[in-house]
Amino acid sequence: MARPRKPLLSRDRIVDAARSLVDAEGLAAVSTRRLAAELGVSGPSLYNHFATKDQILEAVADSVSAQVDLSMFEDGRDWRAALHDWAVSYRAALTRHPNIVPVLARGPGRRPAGLRLADAMFGAMVDAGWPPAQATSIGALMRYFIMGSALGSFAGGFVDDEAAYDPADYPHLGQAHLLAEHQELVDERAFDAGLAALLDGLALQYERVALRAG
């Protein structure tokens, strides 16, 4: 029998299947047995590409990091505009794949796309005149903010039931039951407001950095 022109299995196929499974059902749904069934192969064949389930999840996380646009750090945008546009792209990637955020939140570790992301942001801040120590703090701050915004929905944390918010108990939550209906809009506005406030604060710090340098 002639060999198939393309291999039945590849790292990319496994990662794509695992990412779809995580998106649909969460991290707990991923197992080598389940993935093998989804891919139509035997379980042991996965081990030719990944030694453990954790390695598969790490690769899924890195595939999401690879979706973040980094061009703003290379096309001449000033540091504030670049940081803003990067944060928006980063959040968009996490919003598309929210169930993988707990893995991403561990940090880049050895993941290539995650390390390129961190390297590009840090390098751009240093090139813009931020001292390395402060550039590191900015990287950590942005990760906390972006990851936190993707870990859960503020608006989605309220139920669509007016009776749940009795004015006698919660006098200021009379409209809280409406939040769930407008979850995406509320969360986007909160992210935009937080990002603007964060960048305004950094801009003030940057002025002090420039004064000390000049």
C-alpha atoms as a PDB file:
ATOM      1  CA  MET A   1       0.000   0.000   0.000  1.00  0.00           C
ATOM      2  CA  ALA A   2       1.331   3.438  -0.944  1.00  0.00           C
ATOM      3  CA  ARG A   3       2.146   5.776   1.899  1.00  0.00           C
ATOM      4  CA  PRO A   4      -0.203   8.760   2.321  1.00  0.00           C
ATOM      5  CA  ARG A   5       1.188  11.977   0.886  1.00  0.00           C
ATOM      6  CA  LYS A   6       0.652  13.739   4.201  1.00  0.00           C
ATOM      7  CA  PRO A   7       1.282  12.227   7.633  1.00  0.00           C
ATOM      8  CA  LEU A   8      -1.845  11.296   9.540  1.00  0.00           C
ATOM      9  CA  LEU A   9      -0.675  13.249  12.538  1.00  0.00           C
ATOM     10  CA  SER A  10       1.409  16.358  13.176  1.00  0.00           C
ATOM     11  CA  ARG A  11       2.060  18.747  16.036  1.00  0.00           C
ATOM     12  CA  ASP A  12      -0.086  21.385  14.346  1.00  0.00           C
ATOM     13  CA  ARG A  13      -3.037  19.004  13.959  1.00  0.00           C
ATOM     14  CA  ILE A  14      -2.808  18.013  17.610  1.00  0.00           C
ATOM     15  CA  VAL A  15      -2.561  21.619  18.778  1.00  0.00           C
ATOM     16  CA  ASP A  16      -5.492  22.698  16.585  1.00  0.00           C
ATOM     17  CA  ALA A  17      -7.670  19.871  17.908  1.00  0.00           C
ATOM     18  CA  ALA A  18      -6.668  20.559  21.509  1.00  0.00           C
ATOM     19  CA  ARG A  19      -7.321  24.291  21.151  1.00  0.00           C
ATOM     20  CA  SER A  20     -10.797  23.614  19.734  1.00  0.00           C
ATOM     21  CA  LEU A  21     -11.511  21.272  22.619  1.00  0.00           C
ATOM     22  CA  VAL A  22     -10.298  23.787  25.205  1.00  0.00           C
ATOM     23  CA  ASP A  23     -12.374  26.531  23.582  1.00  0.00           C
ATOM     24  CA  ALA A  24     -15.502  24.396  23.563  1.00  0.00           C
ATOM     25  CA  GLU A  25     -15.276  22.545  26.863  1.00  0.00           C
ATOM     26  CA  GLY A  26     -12.408  23.901  28.959  1.00  0.00           C
ATOM     27  CA  LEU A  27      -9.056  22.588  30.144  1.00  0.00           C
ATOM     28  CA  ALA A  28     -10.516  19.615  31.990  1.00  0.00           C
ATOM     29  CA  ALA A  29     -11.870  18.173  28.736  1.00  0.00           C
ATOM     30  CA  VAL A  30      -8.387  17.618  27.319  1.00  0.00           C
ATOM     31  CA  SER A  31      -6.922  14.132  27.625  1.00  0.00           C
ATOM     32  CA  THR A  32      -4.746  12.119  25.298  1.00  0.00           C
ATOM     33  CA  ARG A  33      -7.557   9.591  24.898  1.00  0.00           C
ATOM     34  CA  ARG A  34     -10.070  12.289  23.975  1.00  0.00           C
ATOM     35  CA  LEU A  35      -7.668  13.962  21.555  1.00  0.00           C
ATOM     36  CA  ALA A  36      -6.820  10.683  19.889  1.00  0.00           C
ATOM     37  CA  ALA A  37     -10.537  10.024  19.370  1.00  0.00           C
ATOM     38  CA  GLU A  38     -11.058  13.533  17.940  1.00  0.00           C
ATOM     39  CA  LEU A  39      -8.152  13.018  15.542  1.00  0.00           C
ATOM     40  CA  GLY A  40      -9.068   9.466  14.600  1.00  0.00           C
ATOM     41  CA  VAL A  41      -5.760   7.965  15.718  1.00  0.00           C
ATOM     42  CA  SER A  42      -4.558   5.671  18.458  1.00  0.00           C
ATOM     43  CA  GLY A  43      -3.652   7.225  21.789  1.00  0.00           C
ATOM     44  CA  PRO A  44       0.031   6.204  21.805  1.00  0.00           C
ATOM     45  CA  SER A  45       0.605   7.955  18.464  1.00  0.00           C
ATOM     46  CA  LEU A  46       0.271  11.319  20.226  1.00  0.00           C
ATOM     47  CA  TYR A  47       3.402  10.555  22.215  1.00  0.00           C
ATOM     48  CA  ASN A  48       5.465  10.729  19.051  1.00  0.00           C
ATOM     49  CA  HIS A  49       4.840  14.490  19.191  1.00  0.00           C
ATOM     50  CA  PHE A  50       4.121  15.316  22.856  1.00  0.00           C
ATOM     51  CA  ALA A  51       5.304  13.459  25.934  1.00  0.00           C
ATOM     52  CA  THR A  52       2.502  14.676  28.219  1.00  0.00           C
ATOM     53  CA  LYS A  53      -0.859  16.380  28.227  1.00  0.00           C
ATOM     54  CA  ASP A  54       0.750  19.403  29.893  1.00  0.00           C
ATOM     55  CA  GLN A  55       3.061  19.784  26.905  1.00  0.00           C
ATOM     56  CA  ILE A  56       0.019  19.848  24.630  1.00  0.00           C
ATOM     57  CA  LEU A  57      -1.631  22.553  26.730  1.00  0.00           C
ATOM     58  CA  GLU A  58       1.613  24.558  26.718  1.00  0.00           C
ATOM     59  CA  ALA A  59       1.638  24.353  22.910  1.00  0.00           C
ATOM     60  CA  VAL A  60      -2.001  25.453  22.772  1.00  0.00           C
ATOM     61  CA  ALA A  61      -1.166  28.435  24.983  1.00  0.00           C
ATOM     62  CA  ASP A  62       1.750  29.338  22.723  1.00  0.00           C
ATOM     63  CA  SER A  63      -0.462  29.138  19.642  1.00  0.00           C
ATOM     64  CA  VAL A  64      -2.684  31.784  21.222  1.00  0.00           C
ATOM     65  CA  SER A  65       0.323  33.990  22.075  1.00  0.00           C
ATOM     66  CA  ALA A  66       1.298  33.739  18.407  1.00  0.00           C
ATOM     67  CA  GLN A  67      -1.986  35.450  17.485  1.00  0.00           C
ATOM     68  CA  VAL A  68      -0.942  38.691  19.209  1.00  0.00           C
ATOM     69  CA  ASP A  69       0.168  41.374  16.768  1.00  0.00           C
ATOM     70  CA  LEU A  70       3.701  42.659  17.422  1.00  0.00           C
ATOM     71  CA  SER A  71       4.088  44.912  14.392  1.00  0.00           C
ATOM     72  CA  MET A  72       3.433  48.041  16.456  1.00  0.00           C
ATOM     73  CA  PHE A  73       6.819  47.609  18.095  1.00  0.00           C
ATOM     74  CA  GLU A  74       8.584  47.697  14.743  1.00  0.00           C
ATOM     75  CA  ASP A  75       6.805  50.318  12.633  1.00  0.00           C
ATOM     76  CA  GLY A  76       7.824  53.517  14.391  1.00  0.00           C
ATOM     77  CA  ARG A  77       4.830  54.065  16.651  1.00  0.00           C
ATOM     78  CA  ASP A  78       5.663  55.888  19.881  1.00  0.00           C
ATOM     79  CA  TRP A  79       5.807  53.748  23.005  1.00  0.00           C
ATOM     80  CA  ARG A  80       2.368  54.740  24.287  1.00  0.00           C
ATOM     81  CA  ALA A  81       0.554  54.055  21.006  1.00  0.00           C
ATOM     82  CA  ALA A  82       2.451  50.798  20.591  1.00  0.00           C
ATOM     83  CA  LEU A  83       1.620  49.663  24.112  1.00  0.00           C
ATOM     84  CA  HIS A  84      -2.050  50.543  23.608  1.00  0.00           C
ATOM     85  CA  ASP A  85      -2.361  48.708  20.301  1.00  0.00           C
ATOM     86  CA  TRP A  86      -0.474  45.700  21.626  1.00  0.00           C
ATOM     87  CA  ALA A  87      -2.737  45.471  24.674  1.00  0.00           C
ATOM     88  CA  VAL A  88      -5.837  45.596  22.471  1.00  0.00           C
ATOM     89  CA  SER A  89      -4.488  42.843  20.223  1.00  0.00           C
ATOM     90  CA  TYR A  90      -3.423  40.767  23.225  1.00  0.00           C
ATOM     91  CA  ARG A  91      -6.842  41.017  24.862  1.00  0.00           C
ATOM     92  CA  ALA A  92      -8.560  40.145  21.574  1.00  0.00           C
ATOM     93  CA  ALA A  93      -6.538  36.936  21.338  1.00  0.00           C
ATOM     94  CA  LEU A  94      -7.400  35.993  24.906  1.00  0.00           C
ATOM     95  CA  THR A  95     -11.054  36.853  24.387  1.00  0.00           C
ATOM     96  CA  ARG A  96     -11.159  34.398  21.492  1.00  0.00           C
ATOM     97  CA  HIS A  97      -9.668  31.675  23.697  1.00  0.00           C
ATOM     98  CA  PRO A  98     -10.539  32.506  27.323  1.00  0.00           C
ATOM     99  CA  ASN A  99     -10.288  28.945  28.642  1.00  0.00           C
ATOM    100  CA  ILE A 100      -6.536  28.792  28.002  1.00  0.00           C
ATOM    101  CA  VAL A 101      -5.830  31.956  30.028  1.00  0.00           C
ATOM    102  CA  PRO A 102      -4.971  30.067  33.256  1.00  0.00           C
ATOM    103  CA  VAL A 103      -2.128  28.334  31.389  1.00  0.00           C
ATOM    104  CA  LEU A 104      -0.934  31.586  29.834  1.00  0.00           C
ATOM    105  CA  ALA A 105      -1.067  33.280  33.227  1.00  0.00           C
ATOM    106  CA  ARG A 106       1.785  31.074  34.454  1.00  0.00           C
ATOM    107  CA  GLY A 107       4.142  33.117  32.267  1.00  0.00           C
ATOM    108  CA  PRO A 108       5.933  32.308  29.009  1.00  0.00           C
ATOM    109  CA  GLY A 109       8.311  29.733  30.465  1.00  0.00           C
ATOM    110  CA  ARG A 110       9.994  28.173  27.421  1.00  0.00           C
ATOM    111  CA  ARG A 111       7.186  28.878  24.957  1.00  0.00           C
ATOM    112  CA  PRO A 112       8.696  30.486  21.797  1.00  0.00           C
ATOM    113  CA  ALA A 113       5.787  32.764  20.839  1.00  0.00           C
ATOM    114  CA  GLY A 114       5.330  33.860  24.437  1.00  0.00           C
ATOM    115  CA  LEU A 115       9.006  34.699  24.726  1.00  0.00           C
ATOM    116  CA  ARG A 116       8.961  36.631  21.432  1.00  0.00           C
ATOM    117  CA  LEU A 117       5.994  38.592  22.763  1.00  0.00           C
ATOM    118  CA  ALA A 118       7.806  39.483  25.987  1.00  0.00           C
ATOM    119  CA  ASP A 119      11.045  40.264  24.142  1.00  0.00           C
ATOM    120  CA  ALA A 120       9.335  42.594  21.648  1.00  0.00           C
ATOM    121  CA  MET A 121       7.493  44.568  24.327  1.00  0.00           C
ATOM    122  CA  PHE A 122      10.499  44.862  26.639  1.00  0.00           C
ATOM    123  CA  GLY A 123      12.844  45.817  23.822  1.00  0.00           C
ATOM    124  CA  ALA A 124      10.498  48.503  22.542  1.00  0.00           C
ATOM    125  CA  MET A 125      10.156  50.072  25.988  1.00  0.00           C
ATOM    126  CA  VAL A 126      13.933  50.141  26.533  1.00  0.00           C
ATOM    127  CA  ASP A 127      14.470  51.578  23.053  1.00  0.00           C
ATOM    128  CA  ALA A 128      11.919  54.293  23.894  1.00  0.00           C
ATOM    129  CA  GLY A 129      14.017  55.367  26.879  1.00  0.00           C
ATOM    130  CA  TRP A 130      12.528  53.427  29.767  1.00  0.00           C
ATOM    131  CA  PRO A 131      15.179  52.072  32.157  1.00  0.00           C
ATOM    132  CA  PRO A 132      15.285  48.257  31.996  1.00  0.00           C
ATOM    133  CA  ALA A 133      13.947  47.837  35.537  1.00  0.00           C
ATOM    134  CA  GLN A 134      10.918  50.004  34.768  1.00  0.00           C
ATOM    135  CA  ALA A 135      10.421  48.311  31.404  1.00  0.00           C
ATOM    136  CA  THR A 136      10.258  45.008  33.286  1.00  0.00           C
ATOM    137  CA  SER A 137       7.662  46.456  35.662  1.00  0.00           C
ATOM    138  CA  ILE A 138       5.621  47.707  32.712  1.00  0.00           C
ATOM    139  CA  GLY A 139       5.662  44.233  31.188  1.00  0.00           C
ATOM    140  CA  ALA A 140       4.437  42.713  34.452  1.00  0.00           C
ATOM    141  CA  LEU A 141       1.817  45.416  34.913  1.00  0.00           C
ATOM    142  CA  MET A 142       0.427  44.982  31.412  1.00  0.00           C
ATOM    143  CA  ARG A 143       0.274  41.219  31.810  1.00  0.00           C
ATOM    144  CA  TYR A 144      -1.612  41.511  35.107  1.00  0.00           C
ATOM    145  CA  PHE A 145      -4.090  43.927  33.556  1.00  0.00           C
ATOM    146  CA  ILE A 146      -4.670  42.081  30.291  1.00  0.00           C
ATOM    147  CA  MET A 147      -4.792  38.603  31.827  1.00  0.00           C
ATOM    148  CA  GLY A 148      -7.100  39.816  34.577  1.00  0.00           C
ATOM    149  CA  SER A 149      -9.479  41.324  32.053  1.00  0.00           C
ATOM    150  CA  ALA A 150      -9.694  37.975  30.273  1.00  0.00           C
ATOM    151  CA  LEU A 151      -9.990  35.675  33.292  1.00  0.00           C
ATOM    152  CA  GLY A 152     -13.600  36.594  33.900  1.00  0.00           C
ATOM    153  CA  SER A 153     -16.369  39.001  33.014  1.00  0.00           C
ATOM    154  CA  PHE A 154     -17.394  41.666  35.514  1.00  0.00           C
ATOM    155  CA  ALA A 155     -20.777  42.123  33.872  1.00  0.00           C
ATOM    156  CA  GLY A 156     -21.249  38.381  33.470  1.00  0.00           C
ATOM    157  CA  GLY A 157     -20.926  37.984  37.227  1.00  0.00           C
ATOM    158  CA  PHE A 158     -24.408  39.398  37.779  1.00  0.00           C
ATOM    159  CA  VAL A 159     -27.552  37.367  37.145  1.00  0.00           C
ATOM    160  CA  ASP A 160     -30.362  38.476  34.855  1.00  0.00           C
ATOM    161  CA  ASP A 161     -32.892  38.507  37.663  1.00  0.00           C
ATOM    162  CA  GLU A 162     -34.104  41.765  39.183  1.00  0.00           C
ATOM    163  CA  ALA A 163     -35.357  39.925  42.263  1.00  0.00           C
ATOM    164  CA  ALA A 164     -31.793  38.946  43.158  1.00  0.00           C
ATOM    165  CA  TYR A 165     -30.977  42.547  44.011  1.00  0.00           C
ATOM    166  CA  ASP A 166     -33.512  43.584  46.618  1.00  0.00           C
ATOM    167  CA  PRO A 167     -33.121  47.336  47.250  1.00  0.00           C
ATOM    168  CA  ALA A 168     -33.508  46.671  50.952  1.00  0.00           C
ATOM    169  CA  ASP A 169     -30.282  44.697  50.871  1.00  0.00           C
ATOM    170  CA  TYR A 170     -28.467  46.322  47.932  1.00  0.00           C
ATOM    171  CA  PRO A 171     -29.696  49.901  47.566  1.00  0.00           C
ATOM    172  CA  HIS A 172     -27.210  50.734  44.799  1.00  0.00           C
ATOM    173  CA  LEU A 173     -27.663  47.645  42.602  1.00  0.00           C
ATOM    174  CA  GLY A 174     -31.112  48.379  41.197  1.00  0.00           C
ATOM    175  CA  GLN A 175     -29.821  48.064  37.619  1.00  0.00           C
ATOM    176  CA  ALA A 176     -27.354  45.244  38.184  1.00  0.00           C
ATOM    177  CA  HIS A 177     -29.634  42.668  36.575  1.00  0.00           C
ATOM    178  CA  LEU A 178     -29.200  44.507  33.252  1.00  0.00           C
ATOM    179  CA  LEU A 179     -25.439  44.053  33.161  1.00  0.00           C
ATOM    180  CA  ALA A 180     -25.492  40.480  31.874  1.00  0.00           C
ATOM    181  CA  GLU A 181     -27.484  41.560  28.818  1.00  0.00           C
ATOM    182  CA  HIS A 182     -24.778  44.082  27.929  1.00  0.00           C
ATOM    183  CA  GLN A 183     -21.815  42.001  29.060  1.00  0.00           C
ATOM    184  CA  GLU A 184     -19.557  42.528  26.045  1.00  0.00           C
ATOM    185  CA  LEU A 185     -20.102  46.290  25.910  1.00  0.00           C
ATOM    186  CA  VAL A 186     -19.610  46.764  29.654  1.00  0.00           C
ATOM    187  CA  ASP A 187     -16.434  44.708  29.690  1.00  0.00           C
ATOM    188  CA  GLU A 188     -14.980  46.446  26.628  1.00  0.00           C
ATOM    189  CA  ARG A 189     -15.645  49.878  28.107  1.00  0.00           C
ATOM    190  CA  ALA A 190     -14.060  48.822  31.384  1.00  0.00           C
ATOM    191  CA  PHE A 191     -10.970  47.564  29.566  1.00  0.00           C
ATOM    192  CA  ASP A 192     -10.691  50.770  27.512  1.00  0.00           C
ATOM    193  CA  ALA A 193     -11.086  52.957  30.607  1.00  0.00           C
ATOM    194  CA  GLY A 194      -8.539  50.952  32.568  1.00  0.00           C
ATOM    195  CA  LEU A 195      -6.039  50.929  29.718  1.00  0.00           C
ATOM    196  CA  ALA A 196      -6.345  54.704  29.247  1.00  0.00           C
ATOM    197  CA  ALA A 197      -5.849  55.310  32.976  1.00  0.00           C
ATOM    198  CA  LEU A 198      -2.858  52.961  33.050  1.00  0.00           C
ATOM    199  CA  LEU A 199      -1.210  54.643  30.062  1.00  0.00           C
ATOM    200  CA  ASP A 200      -1.897  58.123  31.479  1.00  0.00           C
ATOM    201  CA  GLY A 201      -0.098  57.103  34.656  1.00  0.00           C
ATOM    202  CA  LEU A 202       2.829  55.674  32.725  1.00  0.00           C
ATOM    203  CA  ALA A 203       3.053  58.862  30.660  1.00  0.00           C
ATOM    204  CA  LEU A 204       3.537  60.860  33.867  1.00  0.00           C
ATOM    205  CA  GLN A 205       6.267  58.473  34.965  1.00  0.00           C
ATOM    206  CA  TYR A 206       7.895  58.733  31.552  1.00  0.00           C
ATOM    207  CA  GLU A 207       8.086  62.526  31.892  1.00  0.00           C
ATOM    208  CA  ARG A 208      10.030  62.082  35.126  1.00  0.00           C
ATOM    209  CA  VAL A 209      12.308  59.539  33.448  1.00  0.00           C
ATOM    210  CA  ALA A 210      12.983  62.021  30.625  1.00  0.00           C
ATOM    211  CA  LEU A 211      13.710  64.818  33.093  1.00  0.00           C
ATOM    212  CA  ARG A 212      16.235  62.704  34.985  1.00  0.00           C
ATOM    213  CA  ALA A 213      17.862  61.659  31.723  1.00  0.00           C
ATOM    214  CA  GLY A 214      17.996  65.165  30.296  1.00  0.00           C
END
